[in-house]
Each structure stands twice: as structure tokens, then as C-alpha cells.
Amino acid sequence: MATVRFFAGAAEAAASDGAAIDADTIGELRSVLSTQFGAEFDRILGLCSLLVNGTRATDDAVTLAPTDTVDVLPPFAGG
């Protein structure tokens, strides 16, 4: 199972800072997360960047290994 870490608004929507998810691809991971955490989390997830072991995953076909760490990062505003 991949380790998934939620940050900022994603953590708030999930009411958790992470989860262990069994998924073979980023697309499958998105689907599992949306089902597990609901509509509000799904809305936030659509705005998020996903990093797999520190590298941005821009394609749902990116494969996941059970030892991977996926960070769910909502957009940040700063200054």
C-alpha cells in the first residue's frame, strides 16, 4: 500500500493527515481517495498536485509501488 500524505485543505477535507491506499496508478489512487473521503475531498483533490516520492505526477497512468509516498498538495498562495 502506498503511503498518502494530505496537506492543508486536503487534510481538512479528509479529516486526516494521511492514509495507506492500495492502488496501481495515480488514476486509481484518485478514484479510491474520492470514494473513501467523499465529495468535498474529491473537489479539493481536483485542485491538488500529487507528488510521488517528491516528483510531480501529472499523468493518471503513473504507476505506484507499495513503497511509494504520495503527497497531496493543494495550491498554495504566498507572499
N, C-alpha and C. Protein backbone atom coordinates (compact mmCIF):
# COMPACT_ATOMS: atom_id res chain seq x y z
N MET A 1 0.83 -1.19 0.00
CA MET A 1 0.00 0.00 0.00
C MET A 1 0.87 1.24 0.00
N ALA A 2 0.54 2.16 -0.86
CA ALA A 2 1.26 3.43 -0.90
C ALA A 2 0.85 4.28 0.30
N THR A 3 1.79 5.03 0.82
CA THR A 3 1.52 5.98 1.89
C THR A 3 1.11 7.29 1.24
N VAL A 4 -0.04 7.81 1.63
CA VAL A 4 -0.54 9.07 1.08
C VAL A 4 -0.59 10.08 2.22
N ARG A 5 0.02 11.24 1.98
CA ARG A 5 0.05 12.30 2.99
C ARG A 5 -0.75 13.49 2.46
N PHE A 6 -1.66 13.99 3.30
CA PHE A 6 -2.51 15.12 2.94
C PHE A 6 -1.98 16.38 3.62
N PHE A 7 -2.03 17.49 2.90
CA PHE A 7 -1.58 18.76 3.44
C PHE A 7 -2.67 19.82 3.30
N ALA A 8 -2.66 20.78 4.20
CA ALA A 8 -3.54 21.96 4.17
C ALA A 8 -5.01 21.57 3.95
N GLY A 9 -5.65 22.15 2.93
CA GLY A 9 -7.07 21.91 2.68
C GLY A 9 -7.42 20.45 2.41
N ALA A 10 -6.50 19.71 1.84
CA ALA A 10 -6.75 18.28 1.60
C ALA A 10 -6.85 17.53 2.93
N ALA A 11 -5.99 17.87 3.87
CA ALA A 11 -6.04 17.25 5.19
C ALA A 11 -7.34 17.61 5.91
N GLU A 12 -7.76 18.87 5.77
CA GLU A 12 -9.01 19.30 6.39
C GLU A 12 -10.20 18.55 5.79
N ALA A 13 -10.24 18.44 4.47
CA ALA A 13 -11.36 17.76 3.80
C ALA A 13 -11.40 16.27 4.13
N ALA A 14 -10.23 15.67 4.32
CA ALA A 14 -10.17 14.24 4.65
C ALA A 14 -10.33 14.00 6.15
N ALA A 15 -10.21 15.05 6.94
CA ALA A 15 -10.20 14.94 8.40
C ALA A 15 -9.11 13.96 8.85
N SER A 16 -7.98 14.03 8.13
CA SER A 16 -6.86 13.14 8.39
C SER A 16 -5.61 13.73 7.75
N ASP A 17 -4.46 13.33 8.26
CA ASP A 17 -3.23 13.79 7.62
C ASP A 17 -2.62 12.74 6.70
N GLY A 18 -3.30 11.59 6.57
CA GLY A 18 -2.78 10.59 5.65
C GLY A 18 -3.56 9.29 5.68
N ALA A 19 -3.14 8.40 4.76
CA ALA A 19 -3.80 7.10 4.64
C ALA A 19 -2.86 6.15 3.91
N ALA A 20 -3.10 4.87 4.07
CA ALA A 20 -2.41 3.84 3.29
C ALA A 20 -3.42 3.35 2.26
N ILE A 21 -3.07 3.46 0.98
CA ILE A 21 -4.01 3.17 -0.09
C ILE A 21 -3.39 2.13 -1.04
N ASP A 22 -4.19 1.13 -1.39
CA ASP A 22 -3.78 0.12 -2.35
C ASP A 22 -4.25 0.54 -3.73
N ALA A 23 -3.31 1.00 -4.57
CA ALA A 23 -3.64 1.44 -5.93
C ALA A 23 -2.43 1.20 -6.82
N ASP A 24 -2.69 0.85 -8.08
CA ASP A 24 -1.60 0.57 -9.02
C ASP A 24 -1.16 1.79 -9.81
N THR A 25 -2.04 2.80 -9.93
CA THR A 25 -1.73 4.01 -10.70
C THR A 25 -2.26 5.24 -9.96
N ILE A 26 -1.80 6.40 -10.39
CA ILE A 26 -2.30 7.66 -9.83
C ILE A 26 -3.81 7.78 -10.08
N GLY A 27 -4.27 7.41 -11.26
CA GLY A 27 -5.70 7.47 -11.57
C GLY A 27 -6.53 6.62 -10.63
N GLU A 28 -6.05 5.41 -10.37
CA GLU A 28 -6.74 4.52 -9.43
C GLU A 28 -6.71 5.10 -8.02
N LEU A 29 -5.58 5.69 -7.65
CA LEU A 29 -5.46 6.32 -6.34
C LEU A 29 -6.48 7.44 -6.19
N ARG A 30 -6.60 8.29 -7.21
CA ARG A 30 -7.59 9.38 -7.17
C ARG A 30 -9.00 8.82 -6.94
N SER A 31 -9.33 7.76 -7.65
CA SER A 31 -10.66 7.15 -7.54
C SER A 31 -10.90 6.61 -6.13
N VAL A 32 -9.93 5.90 -5.60
CA VAL A 32 -10.05 5.33 -4.25
C VAL A 32 -10.19 6.45 -3.21
N LEU A 33 -9.36 7.48 -3.33
CA LEU A 33 -9.43 8.59 -2.37
C LEU A 33 -10.78 9.29 -2.42
N SER A 34 -11.29 9.52 -3.62
CA SER A 34 -12.59 10.19 -3.77
C SER A 34 -13.71 9.38 -3.14
N THR A 35 -13.66 8.08 -3.35
CA THR A 35 -14.68 7.19 -2.77
C THR A 35 -14.56 7.16 -1.26
N GLN A 36 -13.34 7.06 -0.77
CA GLN A 36 -13.13 6.92 0.68
C GLN A 36 -13.42 8.21 1.45
N PHE A 37 -13.09 9.37 0.86
CA PHE A 37 -13.19 10.62 1.62
C PHE A 37 -14.33 11.54 1.19
N GLY A 38 -15.04 11.22 0.12
CA GLY A 38 -16.26 11.93 -0.21
C GLY A 38 -16.12 13.09 -1.18
N ALA A 39 -17.28 13.73 -1.43
CA ALA A 39 -17.41 14.74 -2.47
C ALA A 39 -16.56 15.99 -2.22
N GLU A 40 -16.51 16.48 -1.00
CA GLU A 40 -15.71 17.68 -0.72
C GLU A 40 -14.23 17.40 -0.93
N PHE A 41 -13.78 16.23 -0.49
CA PHE A 41 -12.38 15.87 -0.72
C PHE A 41 -12.12 15.74 -2.22
N ASP A 42 -13.05 15.14 -2.96
CA ASP A 42 -12.89 15.00 -4.41
C ASP A 42 -12.75 16.36 -5.07
N ARG A 43 -13.52 17.33 -4.63
CA ARG A 43 -13.43 18.69 -5.18
C ARG A 43 -12.04 19.27 -4.93
N ILE A 44 -11.54 19.13 -3.72
CA ILE A 44 -10.21 19.63 -3.36
C ILE A 44 -9.14 18.86 -4.15
N LEU A 45 -9.29 17.55 -4.26
CA LEU A 45 -8.32 16.72 -4.95
C LEU A 45 -8.13 17.18 -6.40
N GLY A 46 -9.21 17.63 -7.03
CA GLY A 46 -9.13 18.11 -8.40
C GLY A 46 -8.26 19.34 -8.56
N LEU A 47 -8.00 20.05 -7.48
CA LEU A 47 -7.15 21.24 -7.50
C LEU A 47 -5.71 20.96 -7.09
N CYS A 48 -5.48 19.76 -6.58
CA CYS A 48 -4.20 19.43 -5.96
C CYS A 48 -3.15 18.93 -6.96
N SER A 49 -1.90 19.13 -6.57
CA SER A 49 -0.78 18.47 -7.22
C SER A 49 -0.46 17.22 -6.43
N LEU A 50 -0.07 16.17 -7.13
CA LEU A 50 0.33 14.93 -6.48
C LEU A 50 1.82 14.70 -6.74
N LEU A 51 2.55 14.47 -5.69
CA LEU A 51 3.98 14.17 -5.80
C LEU A 51 4.20 12.72 -5.38
N VAL A 52 4.87 11.97 -6.23
CA VAL A 52 5.22 10.58 -5.92
C VAL A 52 6.71 10.56 -5.60
N ASN A 53 7.03 10.29 -4.36
CA ASN A 53 8.42 10.29 -3.89
C ASN A 53 9.12 11.59 -4.27
N GLY A 54 8.39 12.71 -4.16
CA GLY A 54 8.96 14.02 -4.39
C GLY A 54 8.91 14.51 -5.83
N THR A 55 8.41 13.69 -6.76
CA THR A 55 8.33 14.07 -8.17
C THR A 55 6.88 14.24 -8.57
N ARG A 56 6.57 15.37 -9.20
CA ARG A 56 5.18 15.65 -9.58
C ARG A 56 4.67 14.62 -10.57
N ALA A 57 3.50 14.08 -10.29
CA ALA A 57 2.84 13.10 -11.17
C ALA A 57 1.71 13.82 -11.90
N THR A 58 1.90 14.09 -13.18
CA THR A 58 0.93 14.85 -13.96
C THR A 58 0.03 13.95 -14.80
N ASP A 59 0.28 12.67 -14.81
CA ASP A 59 -0.45 11.73 -15.65
C ASP A 59 -1.07 10.65 -14.77
N ASP A 60 -2.36 10.37 -14.98
CA ASP A 60 -3.03 9.34 -14.19
C ASP A 60 -2.47 7.94 -14.43
N ALA A 61 -1.68 7.76 -15.50
CA ALA A 61 -1.10 6.45 -15.81
C ALA A 61 0.19 6.17 -15.03
N VAL A 62 0.68 7.16 -14.27
CA VAL A 62 1.89 6.95 -13.46
C VAL A 62 1.64 5.78 -12.52
N THR A 63 2.57 4.82 -12.54
CA THR A 63 2.39 3.62 -11.71
C THR A 63 2.87 3.88 -10.28
N LEU A 64 2.27 3.15 -9.37
CA LEU A 64 2.63 3.24 -7.96
C LEU A 64 3.10 1.89 -7.45
N ALA A 65 4.12 1.93 -6.62
CA ALA A 65 4.60 0.74 -5.93
C ALA A 65 4.12 0.81 -4.48
N PRO A 66 4.02 -0.32 -3.82
CA PRO A 66 3.57 -0.31 -2.43
C PRO A 66 4.45 0.51 -1.50
N THR A 67 5.68 0.76 -1.89
CA THR A 67 6.61 1.50 -1.04
C THR A 67 6.63 3.00 -1.34
N ASP A 68 5.82 3.45 -2.30
CA ASP A 68 5.80 4.86 -2.69
C ASP A 68 5.10 5.73 -1.64
N THR A 69 5.53 7.00 -1.59
CA THR A 69 4.85 8.01 -0.79
C THR A 69 4.28 9.04 -1.74
N VAL A 70 2.99 9.32 -1.59
CA VAL A 70 2.31 10.29 -2.43
C VAL A 70 1.87 11.45 -1.55
N ASP A 71 2.30 12.66 -1.92
CA ASP A 71 1.89 13.86 -1.20
C ASP A 71 0.79 14.55 -1.99
N VAL A 72 -0.30 14.89 -1.31
CA VAL A 72 -1.44 15.59 -1.92
C VAL A 72 -1.34 17.05 -1.47
N LEU A 73 -0.98 17.92 -2.44
CA LEU A 73 -0.69 19.32 -2.12
C LEU A 73 -1.67 20.26 -2.80
N PRO A 74 -2.54 20.90 -2.04
CA PRO A 74 -3.42 21.91 -2.62
C PRO A 74 -2.60 23.11 -3.09
N PRO A 75 -3.17 23.94 -3.97
CA PRO A 75 -2.43 25.13 -4.38
C PRO A 75 -2.16 26.03 -3.17
N PHE A 76 -1.01 26.62 -3.17
CA PHE A 76 -0.62 27.50 -2.07
C PHE A 76 -0.54 28.93 -2.59
N ALA A 77 -0.99 29.84 -1.77
CA ALA A 77 -0.81 31.27 -2.06
C ALA A 77 0.22 31.76 -1.06
N GLY A 78 1.04 32.63 -1.49
CA GLY A 78 2.06 33.07 -0.55
C GLY A 78 2.52 34.48 -0.82
N GLY A 79 3.36 34.88 0.02
CA GLY A 79 3.90 36.21 -0.16
C GLY A 79 4.91 36.49 0.90
